[in-house]
Amino acid sequence: MSYTDADVSAAIAAMDKYRSGLHYEIGAALVVVGLSAERAVKEIAIRDDMIRVAHRAGASLRQIAEASGLGRKTVTAIVAADPLRA
């Protein structure tokens, strides 16, 4: 696997964002936590978009809740926040 200079620079910038000059182990752990949190936000956005797609395609709230592991109230809130609904 090879990386470009831009890839390396982006990784260093991301690490520096969370590390804050703390003890090495703490800084490394904070980098992982911070990057994981950023990824989780992206994954949740994708999940929510797919929940709305499934609902528009005809899936019931119960079916979506069971598939996603979320409660019906949460699924209902996600569907209600659909930016494509008029």
PDB file of N, CA and C in Angstrom:
ATOM      1  N   MET A   1       0.856  -1.171   0.000  1.00  0.00           N
ATOM      2  CA  MET A   1       0.000   0.000   0.000  1.00  0.00           C
ATOM      3  C   MET A   1       0.900   1.233   0.000  1.00  0.00           C
ATOM      4  N   SER A   2       0.546   2.199  -0.813  1.00  0.00           N
ATOM      5  CA  SER A   2       1.339   3.422  -0.865  1.00  0.00           C
ATOM      6  C   SER A   2       0.455   4.621  -0.546  1.00  0.00           C
ATOM      7  N   TYR A   3       1.082   5.646  -0.047  1.00  0.00           N
ATOM      8  CA  TYR A   3       0.369   6.848   0.362  1.00  0.00           C
ATOM      9  C   TYR A   3       1.003   8.052  -0.308  1.00  0.00           C
ATOM     10  N   THR A   4       0.185   9.019  -0.642  1.00  0.00           N
ATOM     11  CA  THR A   4       0.705  10.247  -1.220  1.00  0.00           C
ATOM     12  C   THR A   4       1.111  11.187  -0.089  1.00  0.00           C
ATOM     13  N   ASP A   5       1.860  12.211  -0.440  1.00  0.00           N
ATOM     14  CA  ASP A   5       2.228  13.225   0.553  1.00  0.00           C
ATOM     15  C   ASP A   5       0.980  13.877   1.145  1.00  0.00           C
ATOM     16  N   ALA A   6      -0.049  14.036   0.328  1.00  0.00           N
ATOM     17  CA  ALA A   6      -1.299  14.639   0.809  1.00  0.00           C
ATOM     18  C   ALA A   6      -1.968  13.731   1.840  1.00  0.00           C
ATOM     19  N   ASP A   7      -1.933  12.409   1.607  1.00  0.00           N
ATOM     20  CA  ASP A   7      -2.498  11.463   2.571  1.00  0.00           C
ATOM     21  C   ASP A   7      -1.784  11.555   3.913  1.00  0.00           C
ATOM     22  N   VAL A   8      -0.470  11.593   3.866  1.00  0.00           N
ATOM     23  CA  VAL A   8       0.332  11.664   5.090  1.00  0.00           C
ATOM     24  C   VAL A   8       0.075  12.979   5.814  1.00  0.00           C
ATOM     25  N   SER A   9       0.033  14.069   5.070  1.00  0.00           N
ATOM     26  CA  SER A   9      -0.223  15.379   5.675  1.00  0.00           C
ATOM     27  C   SER A   9      -1.600  15.431   6.325  1.00  0.00           C
ATOM     28  N   ALA A  10      -2.593  14.850   5.667  1.00  0.00           N
ATOM     29  CA  ALA A  10      -3.942  14.833   6.229  1.00  0.00           C
ATOM     30  C   ALA A  10      -3.984  14.009   7.515  1.00  0.00           C
ATOM     31  N   ALA A  11      -3.278  12.895   7.536  1.00  0.00           N
ATOM     32  CA  ALA A  11      -3.244  12.054   8.737  1.00  0.00           C
ATOM     33  C   ALA A  11      -2.558  12.779   9.886  1.00  0.00           C
ATOM     34  N   ILE A  12      -1.464  13.444   9.612  1.00  0.00           N
ATOM     35  CA  ILE A  12      -0.741  14.188  10.647  1.00  0.00           C
ATOM     36  C   ILE A  12      -1.605  15.331  11.175  1.00  0.00           C
ATOM     37  N   ALA A  13      -2.285  16.038  10.296  1.00  0.00           N
ATOM     38  CA  ALA A  13      -3.160  17.135  10.720  1.00  0.00           C
ATOM     39  C   ALA A  13      -4.295  16.616  11.597  1.00  0.00           C
ATOM     40  N   ALA A  14      -4.866  15.476  11.222  1.00  0.00           N
ATOM     41  CA  ALA A  14      -5.947  14.895  12.026  1.00  0.00           C
ATOM     42  C   ALA A  14      -5.438  14.492  13.396  1.00  0.00           C
ATOM     43  N   MET A  15      -4.257  13.904  13.457  1.00  0.00           N
ATOM     44  CA  MET A  15      -3.691  13.504  14.749  1.00  0.00           C
ATOM     45  C   MET A  15      -3.402  14.724  15.612  1.00  0.00           C
ATOM     46  N   ASP A  16      -2.835  15.749  15.017  1.00  0.00           N
ATOM     47  CA  ASP A  16      -2.510  16.959  15.770  1.00  0.00           C
ATOM     48  C   ASP A  16      -3.760  17.642  16.313  1.00  0.00           C
ATOM     49  N   LYS A  17      -4.862  17.510  15.600  1.00  0.00           N
ATOM     50  CA  LYS A  17      -6.122  18.123  16.031  1.00  0.00           C
ATOM     51  C   LYS A  17      -6.557  17.593  17.395  1.00  0.00           C
ATOM     52  N   TYR A  18      -6.325  16.321  17.663  1.00  0.00           N
ATOM     53  CA  TYR A  18      -6.800  15.698  18.899  1.00  0.00           C
ATOM     54  C   TYR A  18      -5.710  15.472  19.946  1.00  0.00           C
ATOM     55  N   ARG A  19      -4.472  15.381  19.536  1.00  0.00           N
ATOM     56  CA  ARG A  19      -3.402  14.985  20.447  1.00  0.00           C
ATOM     57  C   ARG A  19      -3.144  16.007  21.537  1.00  0.00           C
ATOM     58  N   SER A  20      -3.118  17.255  21.246  1.00  0.00           N
ATOM     59  CA  SER A  20      -2.961  18.348  22.210  1.00  0.00           C
ATOM     60  C   SER A  20      -1.686  18.273  23.045  1.00  0.00           C
ATOM     61  N   GLY A  21      -0.642  17.638  22.566  1.00  0.00           N
ATOM     62  CA  GLY A  21       0.634  17.620  23.269  1.00  0.00           C
ATOM     63  C   GLY A  21       0.636  16.862  24.581  1.00  0.00           C
ATOM     64  N   LEU A  22      -0.349  16.014  24.817  1.00  0.00           N
ATOM     65  CA  LEU A  22      -0.421  15.256  26.060  1.00  0.00           C
ATOM     66  C   LEU A  22       0.543  14.073  26.031  1.00  0.00           C
ATOM     67  N   HIS A  23       0.640  13.396  27.155  1.00  0.00           N
ATOM     68  CA  HIS A  23       1.449  12.190  27.259  1.00  0.00           C
ATOM     69  C   HIS A  23       1.159  11.304  26.046  1.00  0.00           C
ATOM     70  N   TYR A  24       2.163  10.609  25.542  1.00  0.00           N
ATOM     71  CA  TYR A  24       2.059   9.856  24.302  1.00  0.00           C
ATOM     72  C   TYR A  24       0.847   8.928  24.272  1.00  0.00           C
ATOM     73  N   GLU A  25       0.647   8.110  25.290  1.00  0.00           N
ATOM     74  CA  GLU A  25      -0.470   7.152  25.292  1.00  0.00           C
ATOM     75  C   GLU A  25      -1.815   7.861  25.326  1.00  0.00           C
ATOM     76  N   ILE A  26      -1.913   8.918  26.115  1.00  0.00           N
ATOM     77  CA  ILE A  26      -3.166   9.677  26.180  1.00  0.00           C
ATOM     78  C   ILE A  26      -3.435  10.335  24.834  1.00  0.00           C
ATOM     79  N   GLY A  27      -2.414  10.948  24.269  1.00  0.00           N
ATOM     80  CA  GLY A  27      -2.565  11.606  22.968  1.00  0.00           C
ATOM     81  C   GLY A  27      -2.972  10.628  21.885  1.00  0.00           C
ATOM     82  N   ALA A  28      -2.340   9.450  21.864  1.00  0.00           N
ATOM     83  CA  ALA A  28      -2.683   8.444  20.864  1.00  0.00           C
ATOM     84  C   ALA A  28      -4.129   7.977  21.037  1.00  0.00           C
ATOM     85  N   ALA A  29      -4.531   7.761  22.282  1.00  0.00           N
ATOM     86  CA  ALA A  29      -5.907   7.337  22.545  1.00  0.00           C
ATOM     87  C   ALA A  29      -6.890   8.414  22.107  1.00  0.00           C
ATOM     88  N   LEU A  30      -6.581   9.677  22.376  1.00  0.00           N
ATOM     89  CA  LEU A  30      -7.470  10.769  21.977  1.00  0.00           C
ATOM     90  C   LEU A  30      -7.569  10.883  20.463  1.00  0.00           C
ATOM     91  N   VAL A  31      -6.478  10.609  19.757  1.00  0.00           N
ATOM     92  CA  VAL A  31      -6.519  10.622  18.296  1.00  0.00           C
ATOM     93  C   VAL A  31      -7.501   9.573  17.802  1.00  0.00           C
ATOM     94  N   VAL A  32      -7.400   8.365  18.345  1.00  0.00           N
ATOM     95  CA  VAL A  32      -8.300   7.289  17.923  1.00  0.00           C
ATOM     96  C   VAL A  32      -9.746   7.634  18.262  1.00  0.00           C
ATOM     97  N   VAL A  33      -9.970   8.155  19.461  1.00  0.00           N
ATOM     98  CA  VAL A  33     -11.333   8.530  19.865  1.00  0.00           C
ATOM     99  C   VAL A  33     -11.882   9.619  18.936  1.00  0.00           C
ATOM    100  N   GLY A  34     -11.097  10.625  18.680  1.00  0.00           N
ATOM    101  CA  GLY A  34     -11.548  11.728  17.828  1.00  0.00           C
ATOM    102  C   GLY A  34     -11.846  11.284  16.410  1.00  0.00           C
ATOM    103  N   LEU A  35     -10.949  10.511  15.820  1.00  0.00           N
ATOM    104  CA  LEU A  35     -11.166  10.037  14.457  1.00  0.00           C
ATOM    105  C   LEU A  35     -12.345   9.067  14.388  1.00  0.00           C
ATOM    106  N   SER A  36     -12.500   8.239  15.411  1.00  0.00           N
ATOM    107  CA  SER A  36     -13.645   7.321  15.462  1.00  0.00           C
ATOM    108  C   SER A  36     -14.953   8.096  15.565  1.00  0.00           C
ATOM    109  N   ALA A  37     -14.956   9.161  16.344  1.00  0.00           N
ATOM    110  CA  ALA A  37     -16.158   9.981  16.483  1.00  0.00           C
ATOM    111  C   ALA A  37     -16.525  10.628  15.153  1.00  0.00           C
ATOM    112  N   GLU A  38     -15.522  11.119  14.430  1.00  0.00           N
ATOM    113  CA  GLU A  38     -15.793  11.715  13.126  1.00  0.00           C
ATOM    114  C   GLU A  38     -16.387  10.682  12.178  1.00  0.00           C
ATOM    115  N   ARG A  39     -15.828   9.469  12.200  1.00  0.00           N
ATOM    116  CA  ARG A  39     -16.334   8.404  11.329  1.00  0.00           C
ATOM    117  C   ARG A  39     -17.758   8.018  11.732  1.00  0.00           C
ATOM    118  N   ALA A  40     -18.022   7.959  13.030  1.00  0.00           N
ATOM    119  CA  ALA A  40     -19.360   7.590  13.509  1.00  0.00           C
ATOM    120  C   ALA A  40     -20.400   8.591  13.020  1.00  0.00           C
ATOM    121  N   VAL A  41     -20.064   9.864  13.040  1.00  0.00           N
ATOM    122  CA  VAL A  41     -20.995  10.897  12.560  1.00  0.00           C
ATOM    123  C   VAL A  41     -21.331  10.647  11.090  1.00  0.00           C
ATOM    124  N   LYS A  42     -20.326  10.318  10.293  1.00  0.00           N
ATOM    125  CA  LYS A  42     -20.560  10.040   8.870  1.00  0.00           C
ATOM    126  C   LYS A  42     -21.420   8.793   8.691  1.00  0.00           C
ATOM    127  N   GLU A  43     -21.114   7.748   9.462  1.00  0.00           N
ATOM    128  CA  GLU A  43     -21.867   6.494   9.358  1.00  0.00           C
ATOM    129  C   GLU A  43     -23.326   6.693   9.775  1.00  0.00           C
ATOM    130  N   ILE A  44     -23.553   7.480  10.812  1.00  0.00           N
ATOM    131  CA  ILE A  44     -24.923   7.754  11.264  1.00  0.00           C
ATOM    132  C   ILE A  44     -25.691   8.518  10.186  1.00  0.00           C
ATOM    133  N   ALA A  45     -25.032   9.461   9.544  1.00  0.00           N
ATOM    134  CA  ALA A  45     -25.689  10.220   8.475  1.00  0.00           C
ATOM    135  C   ALA A  45     -26.076   9.294   7.323  1.00  0.00           C
ATOM    136  N   ILE A  46     -25.197   8.361   6.981  1.00  0.00           N
ATOM    137  CA  ILE A  46     -25.504   7.400   5.919  1.00  0.00           C
ATOM    138  C   ILE A  46     -26.669   6.511   6.349  1.00  0.00           C
ATOM    139  N   ARG A  47     -26.620   6.004   7.591  1.00  0.00           N
ATOM    140  CA  ARG A  47     -27.707   5.164   8.103  1.00  0.00           C
ATOM    141  C   ARG A  47     -29.036   5.898   8.042  1.00  0.00           C
ATOM    142  N   ASP A  48     -29.055   7.137   8.507  1.00  0.00           N
ATOM    143  CA  ASP A  48     -30.293   7.912   8.516  1.00  0.00           C
ATOM    144  C   ASP A  48     -30.817   8.141   7.101  1.00  0.00           C
ATOM    145  N   ASP A  49     -29.922   8.421   6.164  1.00  0.00           N
ATOM    146  CA  ASP A  49     -30.338   8.580   4.771  1.00  0.00           C
ATOM    147  C   ASP A  49     -30.970   7.291   4.242  1.00  0.00           C
ATOM    148  N   MET A  50     -30.368   6.164   4.559  1.00  0.00           N
ATOM    149  CA  MET A  50     -30.895   4.881   4.082  1.00  0.00           C
ATOM    150  C   MET A  50     -32.215   4.519   4.766  1.00  0.00           C
ATOM    151  N   ILE A  51     -32.380   4.934   6.016  1.00  0.00           N
ATOM    152  CA  ILE A  51     -33.671   4.749   6.690  1.00  0.00           C
ATOM    153  C   ILE A  51     -34.753   5.519   5.949  1.00  0.00           C
ATOM    154  N   ARG A  52     -34.458   6.752   5.562  1.00  0.00           N
ATOM    155  CA  ARG A  52     -35.441   7.553   4.829  1.00  0.00           C
ATOM    156  C   ARG A  52     -35.731   6.961   3.445  1.00  0.00           C
ATOM    157  N   VAL A  53     -34.695   6.442   2.799  1.00  0.00           N
ATOM    158  CA  VAL A  53     -34.885   5.794   1.494  1.00  0.00           C
ATOM    159  C   VAL A  53     -35.789   4.572   1.650  1.00  0.00           C
ATOM    160  N   ALA A  54     -35.514   3.751   2.660  1.00  0.00           N
ATOM    161  CA  ALA A  54     -36.326   2.553   2.896  1.00  0.00           C
ATOM    162  C   ALA A  54     -37.778   2.930   3.167  1.00  0.00           C
ATOM    163  N   HIS A  55     -37.993   3.983   3.938  1.00  0.00           N
ATOM    164  CA  HIS A  55     -39.360   4.410   4.249  1.00  0.00           C
ATOM    165  C   HIS A  55     -40.075   4.918   3.004  1.00  0.00           C
ATOM    166  N   ARG A  56     -39.384   5.730   2.218  1.00  0.00           N
ATOM    167  CA  ARG A  56     -40.001   6.223   0.972  1.00  0.00           C
ATOM    168  C   ARG A  56     -40.309   5.072   0.015  1.00  0.00           C
ATOM    169  N   ALA A  57     -39.520   4.002   0.076  1.00  0.00           N
ATOM    170  CA  ALA A  57     -39.732   2.854  -0.795  1.00  0.00           C
ATOM    171  C   ALA A  57     -40.853   1.950  -0.294  1.00  0.00           C
ATOM    172  N   GLY A  58     -41.358   2.223   0.914  1.00  0.00           N
ATOM    173  CA  GLY A  58     -42.498   1.474   1.406  1.00  0.00           C
ATOM    174  C   GLY A  58     -42.266   0.614   2.631  1.00  0.00           C
ATOM    175  N   ALA A  59     -41.075   0.602   3.166  1.00  0.00           N
ATOM    176  CA  ALA A  59     -40.821  -0.170   4.382  1.00  0.00           C
ATOM    177  C   ALA A  59     -41.561   0.470   5.551  1.00  0.00           C
ATOM    178  N   SER A  60     -42.085  -0.360   6.433  1.00  0.00           N
ATOM    179  CA  SER A  60     -42.790   0.165   7.608  1.00  0.00           C
ATOM    180  C   SER A  60     -41.781   0.608   8.660  1.00  0.00           C
ATOM    181  N   LEU A  61     -42.240   1.455   9.556  1.00  0.00           N
ATOM    182  CA  LEU A  61     -41.381   1.899  10.650  1.00  0.00           C
ATOM    183  C   LEU A  61     -40.921   0.701  11.493  1.00  0.00           C
ATOM    184  N   ARG A  62     -41.795  -0.267  11.675  1.00  0.00           N
ATOM    185  CA  ARG A  62     -41.452  -1.468  12.443  1.00  0.00           C
ATOM    186  C   ARG A  62     -40.330  -2.234  11.750  1.00  0.00           C
ATOM    187  N   GLN A  63     -40.443  -2.427  10.440  1.00  0.00           N
ATOM    188  CA  GLN A  63     -39.411  -3.138   9.688  1.00  0.00           C
ATOM    189  C   GLN A  63     -38.072  -2.422   9.789  1.00  0.00           C
ATOM    190  N   ILE A  64     -38.095  -1.118   9.649  1.00  0.00           N
ATOM    191  CA  ILE A  64     -36.858  -0.334   9.721  1.00  0.00           C
ATOM    192  C   ILE A  64     -36.262  -0.410  11.116  1.00  0.00           C
ATOM    193  N   ALA A  65     -37.112  -0.296  12.131  1.00  0.00           N
ATOM    194  CA  ALA A  65     -36.630  -0.375  13.518  1.00  0.00           C
ATOM    195  C   ALA A  65     -35.959  -1.720  13.781  1.00  0.00           C
ATOM    196  N   GLU A  66     -36.580  -2.792  13.327  1.00  0.00           N
ATOM    197  CA  GLU A  66     -36.002  -4.117  13.534  1.00  0.00           C
ATOM    198  C   GLU A  66     -34.674  -4.274  12.794  1.00  0.00           C
ATOM    199  N   ALA A  67     -34.612  -3.796  11.566  1.00  0.00           N
ATOM    200  CA  ALA A  67     -33.389  -3.923  10.766  1.00  0.00           C
ATOM    201  C   ALA A  67     -32.248  -3.081  11.318  1.00  0.00           C
ATOM    202  N   SER A  68     -32.594  -1.922  11.854  1.00  0.00           N
ATOM    203  CA  SER A  68     -31.560  -0.990  12.310  1.00  0.00           C
ATOM    204  C   SER A  68     -31.150  -1.187  13.760  1.00  0.00           C
ATOM    205  N   GLY A  69     -32.022  -1.865  14.522  1.00  0.00           N
ATOM    206  CA  GLY A  69     -31.742  -1.997  15.949  1.00  0.00           C
ATOM    207  C   GLY A  69     -32.122  -0.755  16.739  1.00  0.00           C
ATOM    208  N   LEU A  70     -32.824   0.150  16.099  1.00  0.00           N
ATOM    209  CA  LEU A  70     -33.271   1.381  16.751  1.00  0.00           C
ATOM    210  C   LEU A  70     -34.714   1.214  17.200  1.00  0.00           C
ATOM    211  N   GLY A  71     -35.144   2.058  18.116  1.00  0.00           N
ATOM    212  CA  GLY A  71     -36.537   2.065  18.533  1.00  0.00           C
ATOM    213  C   GLY A  71     -37.409   2.747  17.492  1.00  0.00           C
ATOM    214  N   ARG A  72     -38.697   2.438  17.534  1.00  0.00           N
ATOM    215  CA  ARG A  72     -39.623   3.044  16.571  1.00  0.00           C
ATOM    216  C   ARG A  72     -39.678   4.561  16.704  1.00  0.00           C
ATOM    217  N   LYS A  73     -39.588   5.060  17.932  1.00  0.00           N
ATOM    218  CA  LYS A  73     -39.611   6.524  18.117  1.00  0.00           C
ATOM    219  C   LYS A  73     -38.417   7.168  17.424  1.00  0.00           C
ATOM    220  N   THR A  74     -37.259   6.541  17.533  1.00  0.00           N
ATOM    221  CA  THR A  74     -36.055   7.080  16.888  1.00  0.00           C
ATOM    222  C   THR A  74     -36.202   7.039  15.381  1.00  0.00           C
ATOM    223  N   VAL A  75     -36.692   5.922  14.859  1.00  0.00           N
ATOM    224  CA  VAL A  75     -36.901   5.798  13.419  1.00  0.00           C
ATOM    225  C   VAL A  75     -37.916   6.833  12.944  1.00  0.00           C
ATOM    226  N   THR A  76     -38.982   7.015  13.698  1.00  0.00           N
ATOM    227  CA  THR A  76     -40.000   8.005  13.343  1.00  0.00           C
ATOM    228  C   THR A  76     -39.388   9.405  13.278  1.00  0.00           C
ATOM    229  N   ALA A  77     -38.537   9.721  14.230  1.00  0.00           N
ATOM    230  CA  ALA A  77     -37.885  11.041  14.244  1.00  0.00           C
ATOM    231  C   ALA A  77     -36.961  11.206  13.043  1.00  0.00           C
ATOM    232  N   ILE A  78     -36.248  10.154  12.691  1.00  0.00           N
ATOM    233  CA  ILE A  78     -35.340  10.219  11.536  1.00  0.00           C
ATOM    234  C   ILE A  78     -36.144  10.428  10.258  1.00  0.00           C
ATOM    235  N   VAL A  79     -37.221   9.667  10.100  1.00  0.00           N
ATOM    236  CA  VAL A  79     -38.068   9.796   8.912  1.00  0.00           C
ATOM    237  C   VAL A  79     -38.701  11.188   8.860  1.00  0.00           C
ATOM    238  N   ALA A  80     -39.128  11.695   9.992  1.00  0.00           N
ATOM    239  CA  ALA A  80     -39.762  13.014  10.042  1.00  0.00           C
ATOM    240  C   ALA A  80     -38.777  14.119   9.677  1.00  0.00           C
ATOM    241  N   ALA A  81     -37.492  13.878   9.870  1.00  0.00           N
ATOM    242  CA  ALA A  81     -36.471  14.878   9.558  1.00  0.00           C
ATOM    243  C   ALA A  81     -36.036  14.801   8.106  1.00  0.00           C
ATOM    244  N   ASP A  82     -36.777  14.089   7.278  1.00  0.00           N
ATOM    245  CA  ASP A  82     -36.438  13.906   5.874  1.00  0.00           C
ATOM    246  C   ASP A  82     -36.399  15.247   5.147  1.00  0.00           C
ATOM    247  N   PRO A  83     -35.230  15.658   4.651  1.00  0.00           N
ATOM    248  CA  PRO A  83     -35.144  16.939   3.949  1.00  0.00           C
ATOM    249  C   PRO A  83     -35.843  16.928   2.604  1.00  0.00           C
ATOM    250  N   LEU A  84     -36.192  15.751   2.060  1.00  0.00           N
ATOM    251  CA  LEU A  84     -36.861  15.670   0.775  1.00  0.00           C
ATOM    252  C   LEU A  84     -38.372  15.727   0.884  1.00  0.00           C
ATOM    253  N   ARG A  85     -38.889  15.626   2.119  1.00  0.00           N
ATOM    254  CA  ARG A  85     -40.339  15.716   2.289  1.00  0.00           C
ATOM    255  C   ARG A  85     -40.799  17.144   2.103  1.00  0.00           C
ATOM    256  N   ALA A  86     -41.896  17.297   1.467  1.00  0.00           N
ATOM    257  CA  ALA A  86     -42.393  18.660   1.219  1.00  0.00           C
ATOM    258  C   ALA A  86     -43.517  19.014   2.160  1.00  0.00           C
TER     259      ALA A  86
END
